[in-house]
Amino acid sequence: RATRDVLKIALVASMISLILATLVGYYMGRNILVSLTILTDEALQVQGRVYRTIEHRSSYTEINRLIEAFNTMSQEVRTREQQFEEANRELQQALEQKDTLLREVHHRVKNNMQIISSLLTLQADELACEEDQELFENSKLRIQSMAMVHEKIYQSAGVEFLSLKEYIQDLVALILSNHHTFFEYSIIGDDVIISLNQAVPCALSVFEACINAIKYGKRPDGAGR
């Protein structure tokens, strides 16, 4: 009988120990699970660019260290993102200032060329020789053709490129109007975007081609194409 009592006591003690172990394991597992869930949720918030400090504290030192490391990382990411946004704003402001300055430069260059062209016009009025007047007129048109490059650039969306086809159309119209003549002409080809360094020699080449066409391309009846 004493043996039975001992066995019963041992069995009860084992059951109590098992129940206690289960409760402790549940508490410990729940504590860890809650901590990991919070960390997962905050990681998703960081991914969405929402940075918050985790105030939750666990019963375990290792979990608390992980939370502190996560908070430090989150703050560093937020700081770097703020620095990046500030640098991006400063860069955007610098680009806008550059754009404004370049437009002003092109505008002033165009105005200066127009002044030179006007001075040549005034000087040409004092010339008696028709050949000299023609030379002055062509020089004036060359300057105007280059001035038009700067005008087109500062009027365009960018400040470094312009449409070649549109420029040639306006340039040919300018040359024909100054020579008081009419040619049927067409510009065939794709619209190419060119830079300032390409536009100036192109302007002079088109100018020379148009002048030669006006001089030597007319038919006896005065028409031309």
N, C-alpha and C. Protein backbone atom coordinates (compact mmCIF):
# COMPACT_ATOMS: atom_id res chain seq x y z
N ARG A 1 0.83 -1.22 0.00
CA ARG A 1 0.00 0.00 0.00
C ARG A 1 0.85 1.25 0.00
N ALA A 2 1.94 1.20 0.75
CA ALA A 2 2.85 2.36 0.78
C ALA A 2 3.44 2.63 -0.60
N THR A 3 3.66 1.52 -1.32
CA THR A 3 4.22 1.67 -2.68
C THR A 3 3.22 2.36 -3.59
N ARG A 4 1.94 1.99 -3.42
CA ARG A 4 0.90 2.62 -4.24
C ARG A 4 0.82 4.12 -3.97
N ASP A 5 0.88 4.43 -2.69
CA ASP A 5 0.82 5.86 -2.34
C ASP A 5 1.98 6.63 -2.95
N VAL A 6 3.15 6.00 -2.90
CA VAL A 6 4.33 6.65 -3.50
C VAL A 6 4.14 6.86 -4.99
N LEU A 7 3.61 5.82 -5.65
CA LEU A 7 3.38 5.92 -7.10
C LEU A 7 2.36 7.00 -7.43
N LYS A 8 1.28 7.05 -6.59
CA LYS A 8 0.27 8.08 -6.84
C LYS A 8 0.86 9.48 -6.69
N ILE A 9 1.64 9.62 -5.62
CA ILE A 9 2.28 10.94 -5.40
C ILE A 9 3.21 11.30 -6.55
N ALA A 10 3.97 10.29 -7.01
CA ALA A 10 4.90 10.53 -8.12
C ALA A 10 4.14 10.90 -9.39
N LEU A 11 2.99 10.19 -9.62
CA LEU A 11 2.19 10.46 -10.82
C LEU A 11 1.59 11.87 -10.76
N VAL A 12 1.08 12.22 -9.59
CA VAL A 12 0.51 13.56 -9.44
C VAL A 12 1.58 14.62 -9.64
N ALA A 13 2.74 14.36 -9.06
CA ALA A 13 3.84 15.33 -9.20
C ALA A 13 4.27 15.46 -10.65
N SER A 14 4.29 14.33 -11.36
CA SER A 14 4.66 14.38 -12.78
C SER A 14 3.65 15.17 -13.59
N MET A 15 2.37 14.94 -13.29
CA MET A 15 1.32 15.66 -14.02
C MET A 15 1.41 17.16 -13.74
N ILE A 16 1.63 17.48 -12.46
CA ILE A 16 1.76 18.90 -12.11
C ILE A 16 2.96 19.52 -12.82
N SER A 17 4.08 18.77 -12.84
CA SER A 17 5.28 19.27 -13.52
C SER A 17 5.03 19.46 -15.00
N LEU A 18 4.30 18.49 -15.61
CA LEU A 18 3.98 18.60 -17.04
C LEU A 18 3.10 19.80 -17.33
N ILE A 19 2.11 20.00 -16.47
CA ILE A 19 1.22 21.15 -16.65
C ILE A 19 1.98 22.46 -16.50
N LEU A 20 2.84 22.50 -15.46
CA LEU A 20 3.64 23.72 -15.26
C LEU A 20 4.58 23.97 -16.44
N ALA A 21 5.21 22.88 -16.93
CA ALA A 21 6.11 23.02 -18.07
C ALA A 21 5.36 23.52 -19.31
N THR A 22 4.14 22.98 -19.49
CA THR A 22 3.32 23.41 -20.63
C THR A 22 2.96 24.88 -20.52
N LEU A 23 2.57 25.30 -19.31
CA LEU A 23 2.21 26.71 -19.11
C LEU A 23 3.41 27.64 -19.33
N VAL A 24 4.55 27.21 -18.78
CA VAL A 24 5.77 28.03 -18.96
C VAL A 24 6.17 28.10 -20.42
N GLY A 25 6.09 26.92 -21.12
CA GLY A 25 6.43 26.91 -22.54
C GLY A 25 5.49 27.76 -23.36
N TYR A 26 4.20 27.71 -23.00
CA TYR A 26 3.21 28.54 -23.71
C TYR A 26 3.52 30.02 -23.50
N TYR A 27 3.82 30.40 -22.25
CA TYR A 27 4.11 31.79 -21.95
C TYR A 27 5.35 32.26 -22.70
N MET A 28 6.39 31.40 -22.64
CA MET A 28 7.64 31.77 -23.31
C MET A 28 7.44 31.86 -24.83
N GLY A 29 6.74 30.85 -25.39
CA GLY A 29 6.51 30.87 -26.84
C GLY A 29 5.65 32.04 -27.26
N ARG A 30 4.62 32.34 -26.45
CA ARG A 30 3.76 33.48 -26.78
C ARG A 30 4.54 34.78 -26.72
N ASN A 31 5.40 34.93 -25.74
CA ASN A 31 6.21 36.15 -25.61
C ASN A 31 7.12 36.32 -26.83
N ILE A 32 7.75 35.24 -27.24
CA ILE A 32 8.64 35.31 -28.41
C ILE A 32 7.83 35.58 -29.68
N LEU A 33 6.67 34.92 -29.79
CA LEU A 33 5.84 35.10 -30.98
C LEU A 33 5.34 36.54 -31.10
N VAL A 34 4.92 37.11 -29.98
CA VAL A 34 4.46 38.51 -29.99
C VAL A 34 5.59 39.44 -30.43
N SER A 35 6.79 39.21 -29.91
CA SER A 35 7.94 40.05 -30.26
C SER A 35 8.27 39.93 -31.75
N LEU A 36 8.26 38.70 -32.27
CA LEU A 36 8.56 38.50 -33.68
C LEU A 36 7.47 39.10 -34.58
N THR A 37 6.23 39.02 -34.14
CA THR A 37 5.13 39.61 -34.92
C THR A 37 5.28 41.13 -35.00
N ILE A 38 5.63 41.74 -33.89
CA ILE A 38 5.84 43.19 -33.87
C ILE A 38 7.00 43.57 -34.80
N LEU A 39 8.09 42.82 -34.73
CA LEU A 39 9.24 43.09 -35.60
C LEU A 39 8.87 42.95 -37.07
N THR A 40 8.07 41.92 -37.39
CA THR A 40 7.65 41.72 -38.78
C THR A 40 6.78 42.87 -39.26
N ASP A 41 5.84 43.30 -38.42
CA ASP A 41 4.96 44.41 -38.80
C ASP A 41 5.75 45.70 -39.01
N GLU A 42 6.69 45.97 -38.14
CA GLU A 42 7.48 47.19 -38.27
C GLU A 42 8.41 47.14 -39.48
N ALA A 43 8.89 45.93 -39.81
CA ALA A 43 9.72 45.79 -41.02
C ALA A 43 8.90 46.14 -42.26
N LEU A 44 7.64 45.73 -42.28
CA LEU A 44 6.76 46.09 -43.39
C LEU A 44 6.50 47.60 -43.42
N GLN A 45 6.41 48.21 -42.26
CA GLN A 45 6.23 49.66 -42.20
C GLN A 45 7.45 50.39 -42.76
N VAL A 46 8.63 49.89 -42.44
CA VAL A 46 9.87 50.49 -42.97
C VAL A 46 9.90 50.37 -44.49
N GLN A 47 9.44 49.22 -44.98
CA GLN A 47 9.38 49.03 -46.43
C GLN A 47 8.46 50.07 -47.08
N GLY A 48 7.42 50.48 -46.35
CA GLY A 48 6.52 51.52 -46.84
C GLY A 48 6.96 52.92 -46.46
N ARG A 49 8.20 53.08 -46.00
CA ARG A 49 8.81 54.36 -45.65
C ARG A 49 8.11 55.00 -44.45
N VAL A 50 7.68 54.17 -43.54
CA VAL A 50 7.13 54.64 -42.26
C VAL A 50 8.06 54.13 -41.17
N TYR A 51 8.66 55.07 -40.44
CA TYR A 51 9.68 54.70 -39.47
C TYR A 51 9.17 55.01 -38.05
N ARG A 52 9.09 53.96 -37.24
CA ARG A 52 8.63 54.11 -35.87
C ARG A 52 9.57 53.35 -34.93
N THR A 53 9.60 53.80 -33.70
CA THR A 53 10.42 53.13 -32.69
C THR A 53 9.58 52.06 -31.98
N ILE A 54 10.10 50.87 -31.87
CA ILE A 54 9.40 49.79 -31.19
C ILE A 54 9.59 49.95 -29.68
N GLU A 55 8.49 50.18 -28.98
CA GLU A 55 8.55 50.36 -27.52
C GLU A 55 8.41 49.03 -26.77
N HIS A 56 8.00 48.01 -27.48
CA HIS A 56 7.78 46.70 -26.84
C HIS A 56 9.07 46.14 -26.24
N ARG A 57 8.95 45.55 -25.07
CA ARG A 57 10.09 44.91 -24.42
C ARG A 57 9.72 43.48 -24.06
N SER A 58 10.68 42.60 -24.32
CA SER A 58 10.46 41.18 -24.07
C SER A 58 11.12 40.78 -22.75
N SER A 59 10.77 39.60 -22.32
CA SER A 59 11.39 39.05 -21.11
C SER A 59 12.78 38.51 -21.39
N TYR A 60 13.14 38.44 -22.65
CA TYR A 60 14.40 37.82 -23.04
C TYR A 60 15.39 38.89 -23.53
N THR A 61 16.58 38.84 -23.04
CA THR A 61 17.61 39.81 -23.39
C THR A 61 17.91 39.78 -24.88
N GLU A 62 17.97 38.59 -25.47
CA GLU A 62 18.30 38.46 -26.88
C GLU A 62 17.25 39.15 -27.76
N ILE A 63 15.97 38.95 -27.39
CA ILE A 63 14.90 39.61 -28.15
C ILE A 63 15.01 41.13 -28.02
N ASN A 64 15.29 41.62 -26.83
CA ASN A 64 15.43 43.07 -26.61
C ASN A 64 16.60 43.64 -27.42
N ARG A 65 17.68 42.86 -27.50
CA ARG A 65 18.82 43.31 -28.31
C ARG A 65 18.43 43.39 -29.78
N LEU A 66 17.65 42.41 -30.23
CA LEU A 66 17.19 42.43 -31.62
C LEU A 66 16.29 43.64 -31.89
N ILE A 67 15.41 43.96 -30.92
CA ILE A 67 14.53 45.12 -31.06
C ILE A 67 15.35 46.41 -31.10
N GLU A 68 16.34 46.53 -30.22
CA GLU A 68 17.19 47.73 -30.21
C GLU A 68 17.96 47.87 -31.53
N ALA A 69 18.47 46.75 -32.05
CA ALA A 69 19.19 46.79 -33.33
C ALA A 69 18.26 47.22 -34.47
N PHE A 70 17.03 46.72 -34.41
CA PHE A 70 16.06 47.11 -35.44
C PHE A 70 15.74 48.60 -35.34
N ASN A 71 15.54 49.11 -34.13
CA ASN A 71 15.27 50.55 -33.95
C ASN A 71 16.41 51.40 -34.47
N THR A 72 17.64 50.98 -34.18
CA THR A 72 18.81 51.71 -34.67
C THR A 72 18.86 51.71 -36.19
N MET A 73 18.64 50.53 -36.78
CA MET A 73 18.64 50.43 -38.24
C MET A 73 17.55 51.30 -38.85
N SER A 74 16.35 51.29 -38.27
CA SER A 74 15.24 52.08 -38.78
C SER A 74 15.56 53.57 -38.75
N GLN A 75 16.16 54.02 -37.66
CA GLN A 75 16.51 55.44 -37.54
C GLN A 75 17.60 55.83 -38.55
N GLU A 76 18.56 54.94 -38.76
CA GLU A 76 19.62 55.22 -39.74
C GLU A 76 19.05 55.29 -41.16
N VAL A 77 18.12 54.38 -41.46
CA VAL A 77 17.49 54.42 -42.78
C VAL A 77 16.71 55.71 -42.97
N ARG A 78 15.98 56.13 -41.94
CA ARG A 78 15.21 57.38 -42.04
C ARG A 78 16.14 58.58 -42.20
N THR A 79 17.23 58.59 -41.44
CA THR A 79 18.19 59.70 -41.55
C THR A 79 18.80 59.77 -42.95
N ARG A 80 19.20 58.62 -43.48
CA ARG A 80 19.80 58.59 -44.81
C ARG A 80 18.78 58.98 -45.88
N GLU A 81 17.54 58.57 -45.70
CA GLU A 81 16.51 58.94 -46.66
C GLU A 81 16.26 60.44 -46.63
N GLN A 82 16.25 61.03 -45.45
CA GLN A 82 16.09 62.48 -45.33
C GLN A 82 17.26 63.20 -45.98
N GLN A 83 18.48 62.69 -45.77
CA GLN A 83 19.65 63.29 -46.39
C GLN A 83 19.58 63.18 -47.91
N PHE A 84 19.11 62.03 -48.40
CA PHE A 84 18.97 61.84 -49.84
C PHE A 84 17.94 62.80 -50.41
N GLU A 85 16.80 62.96 -49.73
CA GLU A 85 15.77 63.88 -50.21
C GLU A 85 16.27 65.31 -50.22
N GLU A 86 17.02 65.69 -49.19
CA GLU A 86 17.57 67.04 -49.15
C GLU A 86 18.58 67.26 -50.27
N ALA A 87 19.45 66.26 -50.49
CA ALA A 87 20.42 66.38 -51.59
C ALA A 87 19.72 66.44 -52.94
N ASN A 88 18.63 65.68 -53.07
CA ASN A 88 17.87 65.69 -54.32
C ASN A 88 17.22 67.04 -54.56
N ARG A 89 16.70 67.66 -53.49
CA ARG A 89 16.12 69.00 -53.61
C ARG A 89 17.17 70.02 -54.01
N GLU A 90 18.34 69.93 -53.38
CA GLU A 90 19.42 70.87 -53.71
C GLU A 90 19.87 70.68 -55.16
N LEU A 91 19.95 69.41 -55.60
CA LEU A 91 20.33 69.15 -56.99
C LEU A 91 19.29 69.70 -57.96
N GLN A 92 18.01 69.54 -57.63
CA GLN A 92 16.94 70.04 -58.48
C GLN A 92 17.01 71.57 -58.57
N GLN A 93 17.27 72.21 -57.44
CA GLN A 93 17.39 73.67 -57.44
C GLN A 93 18.57 74.12 -58.28
N ALA A 94 19.69 73.37 -58.16
CA ALA A 94 20.88 73.71 -58.95
C ALA A 94 20.60 73.55 -60.45
N LEU A 95 19.87 72.48 -60.82
CA LEU A 95 19.54 72.28 -62.23
C LEU A 95 18.62 73.38 -62.74
N GLU A 96 17.67 73.80 -61.91
CA GLU A 96 16.78 74.88 -62.32
C GLU A 96 17.55 76.19 -62.49
N GLN A 97 18.49 76.45 -61.58
CA GLN A 97 19.31 77.65 -61.71
C GLN A 97 20.17 77.59 -62.96
N LYS A 98 20.73 76.41 -63.24
CA LYS A 98 21.53 76.24 -64.46
C LYS A 98 20.69 76.47 -65.69
N ASP A 99 19.46 75.93 -65.68
CA ASP A 99 18.56 76.10 -66.81
C ASP A 99 18.25 77.57 -67.03
N THR A 100 17.99 78.30 -65.94
CA THR A 100 17.69 79.73 -66.03
C THR A 100 18.88 80.51 -66.57
N LEU A 101 20.07 80.18 -66.05
CA LEU A 101 21.27 80.90 -66.48
C LEU A 101 21.57 80.64 -67.96
N LEU A 102 21.42 79.37 -68.39
CA LEU A 102 21.69 79.05 -69.79
C LEU A 102 20.70 79.75 -70.71
N ARG A 103 19.43 79.81 -70.30
CA ARG A 103 18.44 80.51 -71.11
C ARG A 103 18.79 81.99 -71.22
N GLU A 104 19.25 82.56 -70.10
CA GLU A 104 19.62 83.97 -70.12
C GLU A 104 20.84 84.20 -71.02
N VAL A 105 21.80 83.26 -70.97
CA VAL A 105 22.98 83.37 -71.83
C VAL A 105 22.58 83.33 -73.31
N HIS A 106 21.75 82.34 -73.68
CA HIS A 106 21.31 82.24 -75.08
C HIS A 106 20.53 83.48 -75.50
N HIS A 107 19.71 84.00 -74.60
CA HIS A 107 18.92 85.19 -74.92
C HIS A 107 19.82 86.39 -75.16
N ARG A 108 20.83 86.54 -74.33
CA ARG A 108 21.74 87.69 -74.48
C ARG A 108 22.61 87.56 -75.73
N VAL A 109 23.05 86.33 -76.00
CA VAL A 109 23.84 86.13 -77.22
C VAL A 109 23.00 86.47 -78.45
N LYS A 110 21.76 86.02 -78.44
CA LYS A 110 20.86 86.32 -79.56
C LYS A 110 20.67 87.83 -79.69
N ASN A 111 20.46 88.53 -78.58
CA ASN A 111 20.27 89.98 -78.64
C ASN A 111 21.53 90.68 -79.14
N ASN A 112 22.69 90.23 -78.69
CA ASN A 112 23.95 90.84 -79.14
C ASN A 112 24.13 90.64 -80.65
N MET A 113 23.79 89.46 -81.14
CA MET A 113 23.88 89.22 -82.59
C MET A 113 22.89 90.09 -83.37
N GLN A 114 21.73 90.31 -82.78
CA GLN A 114 20.76 91.19 -83.44
C GLN A 114 21.28 92.63 -83.51
N ILE A 115 21.98 93.04 -82.47
CA ILE A 115 22.58 94.39 -82.48
C ILE A 115 23.64 94.48 -83.57
N ILE A 116 24.49 93.46 -83.67
CA ILE A 116 25.51 93.46 -84.72
C ILE A 116 24.86 93.48 -86.10
N SER A 117 23.79 92.72 -86.27
CA SER A 117 23.08 92.70 -87.54
C SER A 117 22.51 94.07 -87.87
N SER A 118 21.96 94.75 -86.86
CA SER A 118 21.41 96.09 -87.08
C SER A 118 22.51 97.09 -87.45
N LEU A 119 23.67 96.96 -86.82
CA LEU A 119 24.79 97.84 -87.16
C LEU A 119 25.24 97.63 -88.60
N LEU A 120 25.26 96.36 -89.04
CA LEU A 120 25.61 96.08 -90.43
C LEU A 120 24.58 96.67 -91.39
N THR A 121 23.33 96.65 -91.02
CA THR A 121 22.28 97.24 -91.86
C THR A 121 22.48 98.74 -92.00
N LEU A 122 22.79 99.39 -90.88
CA LEU A 122 23.03 100.83 -90.92
C LEU A 122 24.24 101.16 -91.79
N GLN A 123 25.28 100.33 -91.66
CA GLN A 123 26.48 100.58 -92.45
C GLN A 123 26.23 100.31 -93.92
N ALA A 124 25.41 99.31 -94.23
CA ALA A 124 25.14 98.98 -95.64
C ALA A 124 24.40 100.09 -96.35
N ASP A 125 23.60 100.86 -95.62
CA ASP A 125 22.86 101.96 -96.25
C ASP A 125 23.79 103.04 -96.79
N GLU A 126 25.01 103.09 -96.28
CA GLU A 126 25.96 104.11 -96.72
C GLU A 126 26.81 103.65 -97.90
N LEU A 127 26.63 102.39 -98.30
CA LEU A 127 27.42 101.86 -99.41
C LEU A 127 26.72 102.14 -100.73
N ALA A 128 27.51 102.54 -101.71
CA ALA A 128 26.95 102.83 -103.03
C ALA A 128 27.05 101.63 -103.96
N CYS A 129 28.05 100.80 -103.75
CA CYS A 129 28.26 99.64 -104.62
C CYS A 129 27.29 98.52 -104.25
N GLU A 130 26.57 98.00 -105.24
CA GLU A 130 25.60 96.93 -104.98
C GLU A 130 26.27 95.65 -104.49
N GLU A 131 27.47 95.37 -105.01
CA GLU A 131 28.17 94.16 -104.57
C GLU A 131 28.52 94.24 -103.09
N ASP A 132 28.97 95.44 -102.67
CA ASP A 132 29.28 95.62 -101.25
C ASP A 132 28.03 95.50 -100.39
N GLN A 133 26.94 96.07 -100.88
CA GLN A 133 25.68 95.97 -100.15
C GLN A 133 25.23 94.51 -100.01
N GLU A 134 25.44 93.75 -101.09
CA GLU A 134 25.07 92.34 -101.05
C GLU A 134 25.93 91.58 -100.05
N LEU A 135 27.24 91.91 -100.01
CA LEU A 135 28.12 91.27 -99.05
C LEU A 135 27.68 91.57 -97.61
N PHE A 136 27.33 92.83 -97.36
CA PHE A 136 26.87 93.21 -96.03
C PHE A 136 25.56 92.49 -95.68
N GLU A 137 24.67 92.41 -96.69
CA GLU A 137 23.38 91.76 -96.46
C GLU A 137 23.57 90.27 -96.13
N ASN A 138 24.45 89.62 -96.87
CA ASN A 138 24.70 88.21 -96.60
C ASN A 138 25.37 88.00 -95.24
N SER A 139 26.28 88.92 -94.88
CA SER A 139 26.91 88.83 -93.56
C SER A 139 25.87 89.00 -92.46
N LYS A 140 24.94 89.94 -92.70
CA LYS A 140 23.88 90.15 -91.71
C LYS A 140 23.02 88.89 -91.56
N LEU A 141 22.71 88.26 -92.68
CA LEU A 141 21.88 87.05 -92.64
C LEU A 141 22.62 85.89 -91.97
N ARG A 142 23.93 85.81 -92.20
CA ARG A 142 24.69 84.77 -91.51
C ARG A 142 24.60 84.94 -90.00
N ILE A 143 24.73 86.17 -89.55
CA ILE A 143 24.63 86.45 -88.12
C ILE A 143 23.23 86.12 -87.61
N GLN A 144 22.22 86.50 -88.39
CA GLN A 144 20.84 86.21 -87.98
C GLN A 144 20.57 84.70 -87.93
N SER A 145 21.19 83.97 -88.85
CA SER A 145 20.99 82.52 -88.84
C SER A 145 21.58 81.90 -87.58
N MET A 146 22.71 82.43 -87.12
CA MET A 146 23.29 81.93 -85.87
C MET A 146 22.50 82.43 -84.66
N ALA A 147 22.00 83.66 -84.74
CA ALA A 147 21.17 84.19 -83.65
C ALA A 147 19.91 83.35 -83.49
N MET A 148 19.37 82.87 -84.61
CA MET A 148 18.16 82.05 -84.55
C MET A 148 18.42 80.74 -83.80
N VAL A 149 19.64 80.23 -83.90
CA VAL A 149 19.99 79.01 -83.14
C VAL A 149 19.79 79.25 -81.65
N HIS A 150 20.34 80.35 -81.14
CA HIS A 150 20.21 80.66 -79.72
C HIS A 150 18.76 80.96 -79.34
N GLU A 151 18.04 81.61 -80.26
CA GLU A 151 16.63 81.89 -79.98
C GLU A 151 15.84 80.60 -79.85
N LYS A 152 16.06 79.66 -80.78
CA LYS A 152 15.35 78.39 -80.74
C LYS A 152 15.69 77.60 -79.47
N ILE A 153 16.94 77.67 -79.05
CA ILE A 153 17.36 76.90 -77.89
C ILE A 153 16.72 77.44 -76.61
N TYR A 154 16.74 78.77 -76.41
CA TYR A 154 16.18 79.27 -75.16
C TYR A 154 14.65 79.23 -75.16
N GLN A 155 14.03 79.04 -76.34
CA GLN A 155 12.58 78.87 -76.40
C GLN A 155 12.16 77.41 -76.29
N SER A 156 13.10 76.50 -76.40
CA SER A 156 12.78 75.06 -76.36
C SER A 156 12.62 74.59 -74.92
N ALA A 157 12.13 73.35 -74.78
CA ALA A 157 11.93 72.78 -73.45
C ALA A 157 13.27 72.61 -72.73
N GLY A 158 14.29 72.20 -73.46
CA GLY A 158 15.63 72.10 -72.88
C GLY A 158 16.45 73.32 -73.26
N VAL A 159 17.69 73.36 -72.83
CA VAL A 159 18.54 74.51 -73.13
C VAL A 159 19.82 74.08 -73.84
N GLU A 160 19.83 72.89 -74.41
CA GLU A 160 21.03 72.40 -75.07
C GLU A 160 20.75 71.86 -76.46
N PHE A 161 19.49 71.62 -76.80
CA PHE A 161 19.16 70.97 -78.07
C PHE A 161 18.00 71.69 -78.74
N LEU A 162 17.88 71.47 -80.04
CA LEU A 162 16.76 72.04 -80.80
C LEU A 162 16.40 71.13 -81.96
N SER A 163 15.20 71.36 -82.48
CA SER A 163 14.71 70.56 -83.59
C SER A 163 15.33 71.07 -84.89
N LEU A 164 16.02 70.18 -85.62
CA LEU A 164 16.69 70.58 -86.85
C LEU A 164 15.68 70.95 -87.94
N LYS A 165 14.63 70.16 -88.08
CA LYS A 165 13.66 70.39 -89.16
C LYS A 165 12.95 71.73 -88.97
N GLU A 166 12.51 71.99 -87.76
CA GLU A 166 11.84 73.26 -87.48
C GLU A 166 12.78 74.44 -87.70
N TYR A 167 14.03 74.26 -87.30
CA TYR A 167 15.01 75.35 -87.46
C TYR A 167 15.25 75.64 -88.94
N ILE A 168 15.42 74.60 -89.75
CA ILE A 168 15.68 74.80 -91.18
C ILE A 168 14.49 75.50 -91.85
N GLN A 169 13.27 75.12 -91.48
CA GLN A 169 12.09 75.77 -92.04
C GLN A 169 12.09 77.27 -91.76
N ASP A 170 12.35 77.63 -90.53
CA ASP A 170 12.36 79.05 -90.16
C ASP A 170 13.53 79.79 -90.81
N LEU A 171 14.67 79.11 -90.92
CA LEU A 171 15.84 79.74 -91.52
C LEU A 171 15.61 80.01 -93.01
N VAL A 172 15.07 79.05 -93.72
CA VAL A 172 14.80 79.25 -95.15
C VAL A 172 13.79 80.37 -95.34
N ALA A 173 12.75 80.40 -94.51
CA ALA A 173 11.76 81.48 -94.61
C ALA A 173 12.39 82.83 -94.36
N LEU A 174 13.32 82.92 -93.40
CA LEU A 174 14.02 84.18 -93.12
C LEU A 174 14.85 84.63 -94.32
N ILE A 175 15.59 83.70 -94.92
CA ILE A 175 16.46 84.06 -96.06
C ILE A 175 15.62 84.52 -97.25
N LEU A 176 14.55 83.81 -97.55
CA LEU A 176 13.71 84.18 -98.69
C LEU A 176 13.04 85.54 -98.47
N SER A 177 12.60 85.81 -97.26
CA SER A 177 11.94 87.09 -96.99
C SER A 177 12.92 88.25 -97.11
N ASN A 178 14.17 88.03 -96.73
CA ASN A 178 15.17 89.10 -96.82
C ASN A 178 15.59 89.36 -98.26
N HIS A 179 15.47 88.35 -99.12
CA HIS A 179 15.84 88.52 -100.52
C HIS A 179 14.62 88.87 -101.38
N HIS A 180 13.47 89.02 -100.73
CA HIS A 180 12.25 89.40 -101.46
C HIS A 180 12.03 88.52 -102.68
N THR A 181 12.17 87.24 -102.45
CA THR A 181 11.97 86.29 -103.54
C THR A 181 11.15 85.11 -103.04
N PHE A 182 10.70 84.28 -103.97
CA PHE A 182 9.88 83.14 -103.58
C PHE A 182 10.38 81.88 -104.26
N PHE A 183 10.55 80.86 -103.50
CA PHE A 183 10.92 79.55 -104.01
C PHE A 183 9.94 78.53 -103.41
N GLU A 184 9.54 77.59 -104.21
CA GLU A 184 8.84 76.44 -103.65
C GLU A 184 9.91 75.50 -103.07
N TYR A 185 9.75 75.14 -101.86
CA TYR A 185 10.74 74.25 -101.26
C TYR A 185 10.05 73.28 -100.30
N SER A 186 10.68 72.18 -100.10
CA SER A 186 10.17 71.18 -99.16
C SER A 186 11.35 70.60 -98.39
N ILE A 187 11.10 70.30 -97.16
CA ILE A 187 12.14 69.72 -96.29
C ILE A 187 11.71 68.30 -95.97
N ILE A 188 12.46 67.35 -96.46
CA ILE A 188 12.11 65.94 -96.33
C ILE A 188 13.10 65.26 -95.39
N GLY A 189 12.57 64.48 -94.47
CA GLY A 189 13.45 63.74 -93.56
C GLY A 189 12.87 63.72 -92.16
N ASP A 190 13.47 62.89 -91.35
CA ASP A 190 13.03 62.79 -89.95
C ASP A 190 13.46 64.03 -89.18
N ASP A 191 12.69 64.34 -88.15
CA ASP A 191 13.04 65.47 -87.29
C ASP A 191 14.15 65.03 -86.34
N VAL A 192 15.32 65.61 -86.53
CA VAL A 192 16.50 65.25 -85.74
C VAL A 192 16.74 66.33 -84.68
N ILE A 193 17.08 65.91 -83.49
CA ILE A 193 17.42 66.84 -82.41
C ILE A 193 18.94 67.01 -82.38
N ILE A 194 19.37 68.26 -82.46
CA ILE A 194 20.82 68.52 -82.51
C ILE A 194 21.21 69.47 -81.38
N SER A 195 22.51 69.48 -81.09
CA SER A 195 23.04 70.34 -80.04
C SER A 195 23.47 71.68 -80.62
N LEU A 196 23.86 72.59 -79.73
CA LEU A 196 24.33 73.91 -80.16
C LEU A 196 25.57 73.80 -81.04
N ASN A 197 26.49 72.92 -80.66
CA ASN A 197 27.72 72.76 -81.44
C ASN A 197 27.44 72.24 -82.85
N GLN A 198 26.38 71.48 -83.01
CA GLN A 198 25.99 70.98 -84.33
C GLN A 198 25.15 72.00 -85.09
N ALA A 199 24.37 72.80 -84.36
CA ALA A 199 23.42 73.70 -85.00
C ALA A 199 24.09 74.85 -85.74
N VAL A 200 25.16 75.42 -85.17
CA VAL A 200 25.80 76.58 -85.79
C VAL A 200 26.41 76.24 -87.16
N PRO A 201 27.25 75.21 -87.28
CA PRO A 201 27.75 74.87 -88.62
C PRO A 201 26.63 74.44 -89.56
N CYS A 202 25.60 73.80 -89.02
CA CYS A 202 24.46 73.42 -89.86
C CYS A 202 23.77 74.66 -90.39
N ALA A 203 23.62 75.69 -89.55
CA ALA A 203 22.98 76.94 -89.96
C ALA A 203 23.76 77.60 -91.11
N LEU A 204 25.07 77.62 -90.97
CA LEU A 204 25.88 78.24 -92.02
C LEU A 204 25.83 77.44 -93.32
N SER A 205 25.79 76.11 -93.20
CA SER A 205 25.71 75.27 -94.41
C SER A 205 24.39 75.47 -95.13
N VAL A 206 23.30 75.48 -94.37
CA VAL A 206 21.98 75.71 -94.98
C VAL A 206 21.91 77.10 -95.59
N PHE A 207 22.49 78.06 -94.91
CA PHE A 207 22.50 79.43 -95.43
C PHE A 207 23.19 79.49 -96.79
N GLU A 208 24.38 78.91 -96.88
CA GLU A 208 25.12 78.95 -98.14
C GLU A 208 24.36 78.22 -99.25
N ALA A 209 23.72 77.11 -98.90
CA ALA A 209 22.95 76.37 -99.90
C ALA A 209 21.78 77.20 -100.40
N CYS A 210 21.11 77.90 -99.49
CA CYS A 210 19.96 78.74 -99.89
C CYS A 210 20.40 79.92 -100.75
N ILE A 211 21.51 80.54 -100.37
CA ILE A 211 22.00 81.69 -101.17
C ILE A 211 22.36 81.24 -102.58
N ASN A 212 23.02 80.09 -102.69
CA ASN A 212 23.36 79.58 -104.03
C ASN A 212 22.10 79.24 -104.82
N ALA A 213 21.10 78.70 -104.14
CA ALA A 213 19.85 78.38 -104.82
C ALA A 213 19.16 79.65 -105.33
N ILE A 214 19.19 80.70 -104.53
CA ILE A 214 18.58 81.96 -104.94
C ILE A 214 19.33 82.58 -106.11
N LYS A 215 20.64 82.48 -106.08
CA LYS A 215 21.44 83.08 -107.15
C LYS A 215 21.36 82.31 -108.45
N TYR A 216 21.48 80.98 -108.36
CA TYR A 216 21.67 80.20 -109.57
C TYR A 216 20.55 79.20 -109.85
N GLY A 217 19.57 79.12 -108.95
CA GLY A 217 18.55 78.09 -109.13
C GLY A 217 17.28 78.55 -109.80
N LYS A 218 17.16 79.82 -110.13
CA LYS A 218 15.95 80.31 -110.73
C LYS A 218 15.87 79.96 -112.23
N ARG A 219 14.68 79.71 -112.68
CA ARG A 219 14.44 79.51 -114.11
C ARG A 219 14.35 80.87 -114.80
N PRO A 220 14.39 80.90 -116.09
CA PRO A 220 14.29 82.19 -116.80
C PRO A 220 13.04 82.99 -116.43
N ASP A 221 11.95 82.33 -116.08
CA ASP A 221 10.74 83.06 -115.74
C ASP A 221 10.76 83.56 -114.29
N GLY A 222 11.86 83.32 -113.58
CA GLY A 222 12.00 83.82 -112.22
C GLY A 222 11.53 82.89 -111.14
N ALA A 223 10.91 81.78 -111.56
CA ALA A 223 10.43 80.82 -110.55
C ALA A 223 11.52 79.83 -110.21
N GLY A 224 11.32 79.11 -109.15
CA GLY A 224 12.32 78.12 -108.74
C GLY A 224 11.77 77.20 -107.69
N ARG A 225 12.43 76.05 -107.56
CA ARG A 225 12.01 75.09 -106.54
C ARG A 225 13.25 74.40 -105.96
